[in-house]
Amino acid sequence: LHCAEGSLEWLYPTGALRLRLAPRLPPTSAAVKGGSPPHVTACIKPTGTFRGAQLYLEREGVLELLLPEAPRPRARCFSWLPQEKVALFLQATPHPDISRRIAAFRYELRGDWLARPALPAASLGTEGACRPCNDTEILMAICTSDFVIRGSIRSVSNDVELQESIIGVSATRIHRQKFPLFQAGGRPGRPVGSIRTPLRCGVKPGPGTFLFTGWLHFGEAWLSCAPRYRDFQRIYEGAQRTRQNPCEFPVD
C-alpha cells in the first residue's frame, strides 16, 4: 500500500492476504540533524460489517492482533520507523456455512512530521493528546492544520463505546477547511459542525470564542489545538513583533 489513504474489501475471505505498508515519504522525512528520526503512522478502521477474517500487524516477523472478527468500528493506529518493514496480515476465519462475508476496512498512512494528531484513545500512545498546546504548537497549527475555525462551543456529547467526545461548534469565521466540515445550519450566517477528541480529555462546554484547529481522520474532524481567540491574538502578535510567526494569518 503506497497511497496516503484508501480502502480494501475482501469478499468471501479464504486463506490469507499479506499487505506491505510502503508509503511514499516526502524528503522532509529524513531525520532532523541532532533529533530522532520521524515515525510513520498508520490507522485502520473496520467497516461496521467486517466479518470473515482477523487482521494482524506484522512487525519484524511478529504478529499482533489489531482487529478480531466482528470488531467495533473503532480506529486502531500504530507507528514505525521508515527503515522498518511492516505489513498487515489478514487471516480468514473458517465458518461451517457459506453465508456472504466481507472483510473491509479503510486505512490512512501519514508521517508524524505534520504535527501531533489527536487520535482516538484506543489508538497509539496519545500521552500528549489532552495537553494544552504551547505557543509554538499553536503557531504551527494555524499554518498546517486541515481546518482552522473561529467559533464557540454549542454542546459536548460523549460516546462511551467509542471513547470519544463530540464538540458541537458554531463558527463565526472559517479560516480554512480542506473539506466542507462546517456548513450552514445554525443561526443565520453561522456554519456549524462537530470536532472529536478522546473522551479521557474531559472536554466541557464553556463560554467564549476559540480558535479550533485539527486534522481529518477518516473523514471526521479531530481536535489538535484550541486556544481562546484572545490568547491566540496575543501569541500571534508577539510572534509578529519578533518575526517568528511561521505564516501570515488574519487577526482582527
C-alpha atoms as a PDB file:
ATOM      1  CA  LEU A   1       0.000   0.000   0.000  1.00  0.00           C
ATOM      2  CA  HIS A   2       1.565   3.264  -1.193  1.00  0.00           C
ATOM      3  CA  CYS A   3      -1.349   5.711  -1.024  1.00  0.00           C
ATOM      4  CA  ALA A   4      -1.907   8.139   1.838  1.00  0.00           C
ATOM      5  CA  GLU A   5      -5.391   6.706   2.306  1.00  0.00           C
ATOM      6  CA  GLY A   6      -7.629   4.087   0.797  1.00  0.00           C
ATOM      7  CA  SER A   7      -9.822   1.095   1.481  1.00  0.00           C
ATOM      8  CA  LEU A   8      -9.855  -2.656   0.993  1.00  0.00           C
ATOM      9  CA  GLU A   9     -12.717  -5.113   0.564  1.00  0.00           C
ATOM     10  CA  TRP A  10     -12.170  -8.882   0.678  1.00  0.00           C
ATOM     11  CA  LEU A  11     -15.245 -10.846  -0.402  1.00  0.00           C
ATOM     12  CA  TYR A  12     -15.784 -14.369   0.927  1.00  0.00           C
ATOM     13  CA  PRO A  13     -12.396 -14.487   2.708  1.00  0.00           C
ATOM     14  CA  THR A  14     -10.430 -17.727   2.443  1.00  0.00           C
ATOM     15  CA  GLY A  15      -6.746 -18.329   3.161  1.00  0.00           C
ATOM     16  CA  ALA A  16      -4.809 -15.148   3.912  1.00  0.00           C
ATOM     17  CA  LEU A  17      -3.667 -11.819   2.486  1.00  0.00           C
ATOM     18  CA  ARG A  18      -0.433 -10.007   3.289  1.00  0.00           C
ATOM     19  CA  LEU A  19      -0.330  -6.261   2.602  1.00  0.00           C
ATOM     20  CA  ARG A  20       3.007  -4.492   2.879  1.00  0.00           C
ATOM     21  CA  LEU A  21       2.878  -0.856   4.021  1.00  0.00           C
ATOM     22  CA  ALA A  22       5.190   1.289   1.904  1.00  0.00           C
ATOM     23  CA  PRO A  23       4.040   4.936   1.991  1.00  0.00           C
ATOM     24  CA  ARG A  24       5.728   7.443  -0.283  1.00  0.00           C
ATOM     25  CA  LEU A  25       7.569   9.695   2.134  1.00  0.00           C
ATOM     26  CA  PRO A  26       8.465  13.316   1.313  1.00  0.00           C
ATOM     27  CA  PRO A  27      12.097  14.490   1.501  1.00  0.00           C
ATOM     28  CA  THR A  28      11.362  16.037   4.917  1.00  0.00           C
ATOM     29  CA  SER A  29      11.060  12.533   6.355  1.00  0.00           C
ATOM     30  CA  ALA A  30      14.831  12.451   6.783  1.00  0.00           C
ATOM     31  CA  ALA A  31      15.932  12.769  10.365  1.00  0.00           C
ATOM     32  CA  VAL A  32      16.458  16.303  11.549  1.00  0.00           C
ATOM     33  CA  LYS A  33      20.075  16.878  12.478  1.00  0.00           C
ATOM     34  CA  GLY A  34      20.517  16.157  16.152  1.00  0.00           C
ATOM     35  CA  GLY A  35      16.960  14.845  16.551  1.00  0.00           C
ATOM     36  CA  SER A  36      15.310  11.466  16.495  1.00  0.00           C
ATOM     37  CA  PRO A  37      14.161  10.084  13.127  1.00  0.00           C
ATOM     38  CA  PRO A  38      10.462  10.677  12.397  1.00  0.00           C
ATOM     39  CA  HIS A  39       7.981   7.853  12.607  1.00  0.00           C
ATOM     40  CA  VAL A  40       5.307   6.867  10.113  1.00  0.00           C
ATOM     41  CA  THR A  41       1.794   6.285  11.411  1.00  0.00           C
ATOM     42  CA  ALA A  42      -0.934   4.059  10.005  1.00  0.00           C
ATOM     43  CA  CYS A  43      -4.550   3.907  11.128  1.00  0.00           C
ATOM     44  CA  ILE A  44      -7.034   1.159  10.326  1.00  0.00           C
ATOM     45  CA  LYS A  45     -10.812   1.488  10.730  1.00  0.00           C
ATOM     46  CA  PRO A  46     -13.057  -1.526  10.059  1.00  0.00           C
ATOM     47  CA  THR A  47     -16.474  -1.183   8.492  1.00  0.00           C
ATOM     48  CA  GLY A  48     -19.475  -1.996  10.647  1.00  0.00           C
ATOM     49  CA  THR A  49     -19.908  -5.219   8.661  1.00  0.00           C
ATOM     50  CA  PHE A  50     -16.320  -6.510   8.980  1.00  0.00           C
ATOM     51  CA  ARG A  51     -16.688 -10.312   9.001  1.00  0.00           C
ATOM     52  CA  GLY A  52     -14.837 -13.441   7.956  1.00  0.00           C
ATOM     53  CA  ALA A  53     -11.251 -12.555   8.912  1.00  0.00           C
ATOM     54  CA  GLN A  54      -8.939 -11.252  11.597  1.00  0.00           C
ATOM     55  CA  LEU A  55      -6.386  -8.507  10.948  1.00  0.00           C
ATOM     56  CA  TYR A  56      -2.865  -8.653  12.386  1.00  0.00           C
ATOM     57  CA  LEU A  57       0.063  -6.236  12.364  1.00  0.00           C
ATOM     58  CA  GLU A  58       3.238  -7.999  11.236  1.00  0.00           C
ATOM     59  CA  ARG A  59       6.368  -6.296  12.543  1.00  0.00           C
ATOM     60  CA  GLU A  60       9.794  -7.950  12.363  1.00  0.00           C
ATOM     61  CA  GLY A  61       8.116 -11.328  11.887  1.00  0.00           C
ATOM     62  CA  VAL A  62       5.913 -10.997  14.999  1.00  0.00           C
ATOM     63  CA  LEU A  63       2.123 -10.846  14.687  1.00  0.00           C
ATOM     64  CA  GLU A  64      -0.075  -8.594  16.855  1.00  0.00           C
ATOM     65  CA  LEU A  65      -3.872  -8.793  16.639  1.00  0.00           C
ATOM     66  CA  LEU A  66      -5.355  -5.462  15.532  1.00  0.00           C
ATOM     67  CA  LEU A  67      -8.923  -6.417  14.628  1.00  0.00           C
ATOM     68  CA  PRO A  68     -10.733  -9.573  15.729  1.00  0.00           C
ATOM     69  CA  GLU A  69     -13.655 -10.833  13.694  1.00  0.00           C
ATOM     70  CA  ALA A  70     -16.718  -8.565  14.030  1.00  0.00           C
ATOM     71  CA  PRO A  71     -14.819  -5.717  15.787  1.00  0.00           C
ATOM     72  CA  ARG A  72     -16.314  -2.448  16.966  1.00  0.00           C
ATOM     73  CA  PRO A  73     -15.939   0.239  14.267  1.00  0.00           C
ATOM     74  CA  ARG A  74     -13.067   1.993  16.021  1.00  0.00           C
ATOM     75  CA  ALA A  75      -9.767   3.077  14.522  1.00  0.00           C
ATOM     76  CA  ARG A  76      -6.533   1.383  15.554  1.00  0.00           C
ATOM     77  CA  CYS A  77      -3.243   3.181  14.945  1.00  0.00           C
ATOM     78  CA  PHE A  78       0.413   2.208  15.148  1.00  0.00           C
ATOM     79  CA  SER A  79       3.799   3.736  14.257  1.00  0.00           C
ATOM     80  CA  TRP A  80       7.129   2.544  12.908  1.00  0.00           C
ATOM     81  CA  LEU A  81      10.442   3.931  11.698  1.00  0.00           C
ATOM     82  CA  PRO A  82      10.842   4.352   7.905  1.00  0.00           C
ATOM     83  CA  GLN A  83      13.563   1.688   7.742  1.00  0.00           C
ATOM     84  CA  GLU A  84      11.378  -0.898   9.482  1.00  0.00           C
ATOM     85  CA  LYS A  85       9.329  -3.321   7.396  1.00  0.00           C
ATOM     86  CA  VAL A  86       5.724  -3.706   8.492  1.00  0.00           C
ATOM     87  CA  ALA A  87       2.735  -5.397   6.921  1.00  0.00           C
ATOM     88  CA  LEU A  88      -0.915  -6.167   7.535  1.00  0.00           C
ATOM     89  CA  PHE A  89      -1.793  -9.862   7.676  1.00  0.00           C
ATOM     90  CA  LEU A  90      -5.434 -10.776   7.046  1.00  0.00           C
ATOM     91  CA  GLN A  91      -6.238 -14.329   8.133  1.00  0.00           C
ATOM     92  CA  ALA A  92      -9.606 -15.761   7.058  1.00  0.00           C
ATOM     93  CA  THR A  93     -11.588 -17.444   9.821  1.00  0.00           C
ATOM     94  CA  PRO A  94     -13.254 -20.771   8.957  1.00  0.00           C
ATOM     95  CA  HIS A  95     -17.059 -20.963   9.044  1.00  0.00           C
ATOM     96  CA  PRO A  96     -19.295 -24.013   8.556  1.00  0.00           C
ATOM     97  CA  ASP A  97     -21.817 -22.077   6.446  1.00  0.00           C
ATOM     98  CA  ILE A  98     -21.328 -20.252   3.154  1.00  0.00           C
ATOM     99  CA  SER A  99     -23.133 -17.014   4.004  1.00  0.00           C
ATOM    100  CA  ARG A 100     -21.786 -13.801   2.489  1.00  0.00           C
ATOM    101  CA  ARG A 101     -18.972 -12.182   4.467  1.00  0.00           C
ATOM    102  CA  ILE A 102     -16.850  -9.149   3.671  1.00  0.00           C
ATOM    103  CA  ALA A 103     -13.655  -8.177   5.483  1.00  0.00           C
ATOM    104  CA  ALA A 104     -13.447  -4.458   4.684  1.00  0.00           C
ATOM    105  CA  PHE A 105     -11.576  -1.551   6.228  1.00  0.00           C
ATOM    106  CA  ARG A 106     -10.265   1.929   5.497  1.00  0.00           C
ATOM    107  CA  TYR A 107      -6.666   2.969   6.115  1.00  0.00           C
ATOM    108  CA  GLU A 108      -4.583   6.124   6.437  1.00  0.00           C
ATOM    109  CA  LEU A 109      -0.802   6.416   6.203  1.00  0.00           C
ATOM    110  CA  ARG A 110       0.847   9.579   7.478  1.00  0.00           C
ATOM    111  CA  GLY A 111       4.134  10.910   8.762  1.00  0.00           C
ATOM    112  CA  ASP A 112       4.225  12.491  12.197  1.00  0.00           C
ATOM    113  CA  TRP A 113       6.308  15.418  10.936  1.00  0.00           C
ATOM    114  CA  LEU A 114       2.961  17.158  10.219  1.00  0.00           C
ATOM    115  CA  ALA A 115       2.081  17.697  13.882  1.00  0.00           C
ATOM    116  CA  ARG A 116       0.761  15.649  16.754  1.00  0.00           C
ATOM    117  CA  PRO A 117      -2.677  14.496  15.645  1.00  0.00           C
ATOM    118  CA  ALA A 118      -5.174  13.864  18.425  1.00  0.00           C
ATOM    119  CA  LEU A 119      -6.121  10.283  17.638  1.00  0.00           C
ATOM    120  CA  PRO A 120      -8.673   8.120  19.424  1.00  0.00           C
ATOM    121  CA  ALA A 121      -7.644   6.991  22.902  1.00  0.00           C
ATOM    122  CA  ALA A 122      -7.592   3.326  21.874  1.00  0.00           C
ATOM    123  CA  SER A 123      -5.074   4.087  19.136  1.00  0.00           C
ATOM    124  CA  LEU A 124      -1.398   4.768  19.623  1.00  0.00           C
ATOM    125  CA  GLY A 125       0.054   6.220  22.727  1.00  0.00           C
ATOM    126  CA  THR A 126      -1.649   9.592  22.982  1.00  0.00           C
ATOM    127  CA  GLU A 127       0.016  10.843  26.144  1.00  0.00           C
ATOM    128  CA  GLY A 128       0.085  14.378  24.777  1.00  0.00           C
ATOM    129  CA  ALA A 129      -3.353  14.397  23.129  1.00  0.00           C
ATOM    130  CA  CYS A 130      -5.002  16.149  26.099  1.00  0.00           C
ATOM    131  CA  ARG A 131      -2.134  18.505  26.909  1.00  0.00           C
ATOM    132  CA  PRO A 132      -2.801  22.166  26.014  1.00  0.00           C
ATOM    133  CA  CYS A 133      -0.685  23.298  23.071  1.00  0.00           C
ATOM    134  CA  ASN A 134       2.235  25.593  23.764  1.00  0.00           C
ATOM    135  CA  ASP A 135       2.756  28.826  21.822  1.00  0.00           C
ATOM    136  CA  THR A 136       4.952  27.219  19.138  1.00  0.00           C
ATOM    137  CA  GLU A 137       2.444  24.420  18.545  1.00  0.00           C
ATOM    138  CA  ILE A 138      -0.399  26.924  18.221  1.00  0.00           C
ATOM    139  CA  LEU A 139       1.510  28.974  15.648  1.00  0.00           C
ATOM    140  CA  MET A 140       2.336  25.843  13.628  1.00  0.00           C
ATOM    141  CA  ALA A 141      -1.249  24.566  13.902  1.00  0.00           C
ATOM    142  CA  ILE A 142      -2.720  27.617  12.158  1.00  0.00           C
ATOM    143  CA  CYS A 143      -0.296  27.077   9.261  1.00  0.00           C
ATOM    144  CA  THR A 144      -0.528  23.323   8.751  1.00  0.00           C
ATOM    145  CA  SER A 145      -3.871  22.047  10.098  1.00  0.00           C
ATOM    146  CA  ASP A 146      -6.619  20.610   7.897  1.00  0.00           C
ATOM    147  CA  PHE A 147      -9.057  23.086   9.412  1.00  0.00           C
ATOM    148  CA  VAL A 148      -8.822  26.390  11.300  1.00  0.00           C
ATOM    149  CA  ILE A 149     -12.190  27.557  12.634  1.00  0.00           C
ATOM    150  CA  ARG A 150     -13.012  30.517  14.867  1.00  0.00           C
ATOM    151  CA  GLY A 151     -16.137  29.903  16.890  1.00  0.00           C
ATOM    152  CA  SER A 152     -17.830  28.881  20.104  1.00  0.00           C
ATOM    153  CA  ILE A 153     -18.843  25.597  21.727  1.00  0.00           C
ATOM    154  CA  ARG A 154     -22.550  24.796  21.324  1.00  0.00           C
ATOM    155  CA  SER A 155     -22.558  21.410  23.017  1.00  0.00           C
ATOM    156  CA  VAL A 156     -20.401  18.487  24.151  1.00  0.00           C
ATOM    157  CA  SER A 157     -21.648  14.895  23.959  1.00  0.00           C
ATOM    158  CA  ASN A 158     -19.785  11.737  24.953  1.00  0.00           C
ATOM    159  CA  ASP A 159     -19.696   8.388  23.161  1.00  0.00           C
ATOM    160  CA  VAL A 160     -18.590   5.930  25.837  1.00  0.00           C
ATOM    161  CA  GLU A 161     -18.429   2.969  23.440  1.00  0.00           C
ATOM    162  CA  LEU A 162     -16.064   4.741  21.039  1.00  0.00           C
ATOM    163  CA  GLN A 163     -14.332   6.642  23.898  1.00  0.00           C
ATOM    164  CA  GLU A 164     -14.829   9.915  22.041  1.00  0.00           C
ATOM    165  CA  SER A 165     -16.216  13.349  22.918  1.00  0.00           C
ATOM    166  CA  ILE A 166     -18.038  15.211  20.143  1.00  0.00           C
ATOM    167  CA  ILE A 167     -17.813  19.003  20.392  1.00  0.00           C
ATOM    168  CA  GLY A 168     -20.596  20.884  18.605  1.00  0.00           C
ATOM    169  CA  VAL A 169     -19.130  24.134  17.248  1.00  0.00           C
ATOM    170  CA  SER A 170     -20.800  27.254  15.885  1.00  0.00           C
ATOM    171  CA  ALA A 171     -18.349  29.016  13.554  1.00  0.00           C
ATOM    172  CA  THR A 172     -18.010  32.786  13.349  1.00  0.00           C
ATOM    173  CA  ARG A 173     -15.273  32.521  10.715  1.00  0.00           C
ATOM    174  CA  ILE A 174     -13.878  29.656   8.661  1.00  0.00           C
ATOM    175  CA  HIS A 175     -10.223  30.422   8.035  1.00  0.00           C
ATOM    176  CA  ARG A 176      -9.505  27.072   6.366  1.00  0.00           C
ATOM    177  CA  GLN A 177     -11.118  23.677   5.852  1.00  0.00           C
ATOM    178  CA  LYS A 178      -9.941  21.104   3.326  1.00  0.00           C
ATOM    179  CA  PHE A 179     -13.428  19.621   3.097  1.00  0.00           C
ATOM    180  CA  PRO A 180     -16.829  21.135   3.934  1.00  0.00           C
ATOM    181  CA  LEU A 181     -16.830  20.088   7.584  1.00  0.00           C
ATOM    182  CA  PHE A 182     -18.722  23.190   8.679  1.00  0.00           C
ATOM    183  CA  GLN A 183     -21.888  24.065   6.795  1.00  0.00           C
ATOM    184  CA  ALA A 184     -24.865  26.370   7.228  1.00  0.00           C
ATOM    185  CA  GLY A 185     -27.408  25.117   9.735  1.00  0.00           C
ATOM    186  CA  GLY A 186     -27.107  27.212  12.857  1.00  0.00           C
ATOM    187  CA  ARG A 187     -28.055  30.839  13.417  1.00  0.00           C
ATOM    188  CA  PRO A 188     -28.255  32.929  10.221  1.00  0.00           C
ATOM    189  CA  GLY A 189     -24.791  33.091   8.736  1.00  0.00           C
ATOM    190  CA  ARG A 190     -23.309  30.711  11.328  1.00  0.00           C
ATOM    191  CA  PRO A 191     -21.981  27.413   9.926  1.00  0.00           C
ATOM    192  CA  VAL A 192     -21.992  24.526  12.394  1.00  0.00           C
ATOM    193  CA  GLY A 193     -20.015  21.318  12.645  1.00  0.00           C
ATOM    194  CA  SER A 194     -18.534  18.835  15.086  1.00  0.00           C
ATOM    195  CA  ILE A 195     -14.981  18.128  16.243  1.00  0.00           C
ATOM    196  CA  ARG A 196     -13.886  14.981  18.073  1.00  0.00           C
ATOM    197  CA  THR A 197     -11.380  14.445  20.842  1.00  0.00           C
ATOM    198  CA  PRO A 198     -10.546  11.495  23.144  1.00  0.00           C
ATOM    199  CA  LEU A 199     -13.145  11.066  25.899  1.00  0.00           C
ATOM    200  CA  ARG A 200     -10.456  10.929  28.573  1.00  0.00           C
ATOM    201  CA  CYS A 201      -9.564  14.569  27.828  1.00  0.00           C
ATOM    202  CA  GLY A 202     -12.751  15.562  29.687  1.00  0.00           C
ATOM    203  CA  VAL A 203     -13.832  18.428  27.418  1.00  0.00           C
ATOM    204  CA  LYS A 204     -16.538  20.607  28.978  1.00  0.00           C
ATOM    205  CA  PRO A 205     -18.740  23.257  27.336  1.00  0.00           C
ATOM    206  CA  GLY A 206     -17.713  26.792  28.167  1.00  0.00           C
ATOM    207  CA  PRO A 207     -18.288  30.391  27.080  1.00  0.00           C
ATOM    208  CA  GLY A 208     -16.028  32.446  24.861  1.00  0.00           C
ATOM    209  CA  THR A 209     -14.552  32.347  21.378  1.00  0.00           C
ATOM    210  CA  PHE A 210     -11.921  29.748  20.471  1.00  0.00           C
ATOM    211  CA  LEU A 211      -9.674  29.067  17.506  1.00  0.00           C
ATOM    212  CA  PHE A 212     -10.199  25.364  16.725  1.00  0.00           C
ATOM    213  CA  THR A 213      -7.503  23.598  14.705  1.00  0.00           C
ATOM    214  CA  GLY A 214      -7.017  19.959  13.863  1.00  0.00           C
ATOM    215  CA  TRP A 215      -6.877  17.098  11.384  1.00  0.00           C
ATOM    216  CA  LEU A 216      -9.164  14.967   9.308  1.00  0.00           C
ATOM    217  CA  HIS A 217      -9.215  11.351  10.467  1.00  0.00           C
ATOM    218  CA  PHE A 218     -11.356   9.007   8.348  1.00  0.00           C
ATOM    219  CA  GLY A 219     -13.471  11.941   7.209  1.00  0.00           C
ATOM    220  CA  GLU A 220     -14.021  13.295  10.733  1.00  0.00           C
ATOM    221  CA  ALA A 221     -12.544  16.417  12.329  1.00  0.00           C
ATOM    222  CA  TRP A 222     -10.188  15.730  15.262  1.00  0.00           C
ATOM    223  CA  LEU A 223      -9.007  18.470  17.594  1.00  0.00           C
ATOM    224  CA  SER A 224      -5.362  19.497  17.785  1.00  0.00           C
ATOM    225  CA  CYS A 225      -5.087  22.970  19.386  1.00  0.00           C
ATOM    226  CA  ALA A 226      -7.966  25.164  20.579  1.00  0.00           C
ATOM    227  CA  PRO A 227      -6.734  28.322  22.317  1.00  0.00           C
ATOM    228  CA  ARG A 228      -9.134  31.062  23.320  1.00  0.00           C
ATOM    229  CA  TYR A 229      -9.105  33.558  20.496  1.00  0.00           C
ATOM    230  CA  ARG A 230      -7.857  36.446  22.643  1.00  0.00           C
ATOM    231  CA  ASP A 231      -4.915  34.276  23.788  1.00  0.00           C
ATOM    232  CA  PHE A 232      -4.149  33.374  20.179  1.00  0.00           C
ATOM    233  CA  GLN A 233      -4.166  37.068  19.209  1.00  0.00           C
ATOM    234  CA  ARG A 234      -1.622  37.815  21.936  1.00  0.00           C
ATOM    235  CA  ILE A 235       0.628  34.910  20.883  1.00  0.00           C
ATOM    236  CA  TYR A 236       0.459  35.742  17.175  1.00  0.00           C
ATOM    237  CA  GLU A 237       1.038  39.476  17.600  1.00  0.00           C
ATOM    238  CA  GLY A 238       4.036  38.749  19.844  1.00  0.00           C
ATOM    239  CA  ALA A 239       5.478  36.422  17.201  1.00  0.00           C
ATOM    240  CA  GLN A 240       4.916  39.062  14.530  1.00  0.00           C
ATOM    241  CA  ARG A 241       6.870  41.657  16.503  1.00  0.00           C
ATOM    242  CA  THR A 242       9.846  39.292  16.798  1.00  0.00           C
ATOM    243  CA  ARG A 243       9.359  37.993  13.225  1.00  0.00           C
ATOM    244  CA  GLN A 244       8.887  34.434  14.443  1.00  0.00           C
ATOM    245  CA  ASN A 245       5.440  33.738  13.002  1.00  0.00           C
ATOM    246  CA  PRO A 246       5.768  30.752  10.591  1.00  0.00           C
ATOM    247  CA  CYS A 247       2.982  32.038   8.302  1.00  0.00           C
ATOM    248  CA  GLU A 248       0.716  35.037   7.813  1.00  0.00           C
ATOM    249  CA  PHE A 249      -2.699  34.835   9.474  1.00  0.00           C
ATOM    250  CA  PRO A 250      -5.547  37.402   9.525  1.00  0.00           C
ATOM    251  CA  VAL A 251      -6.013  38.757  13.045  1.00  0.00           C
ATOM    252  CA  ASP A 252      -8.680  41.308  13.951  1.00  0.00           C
END
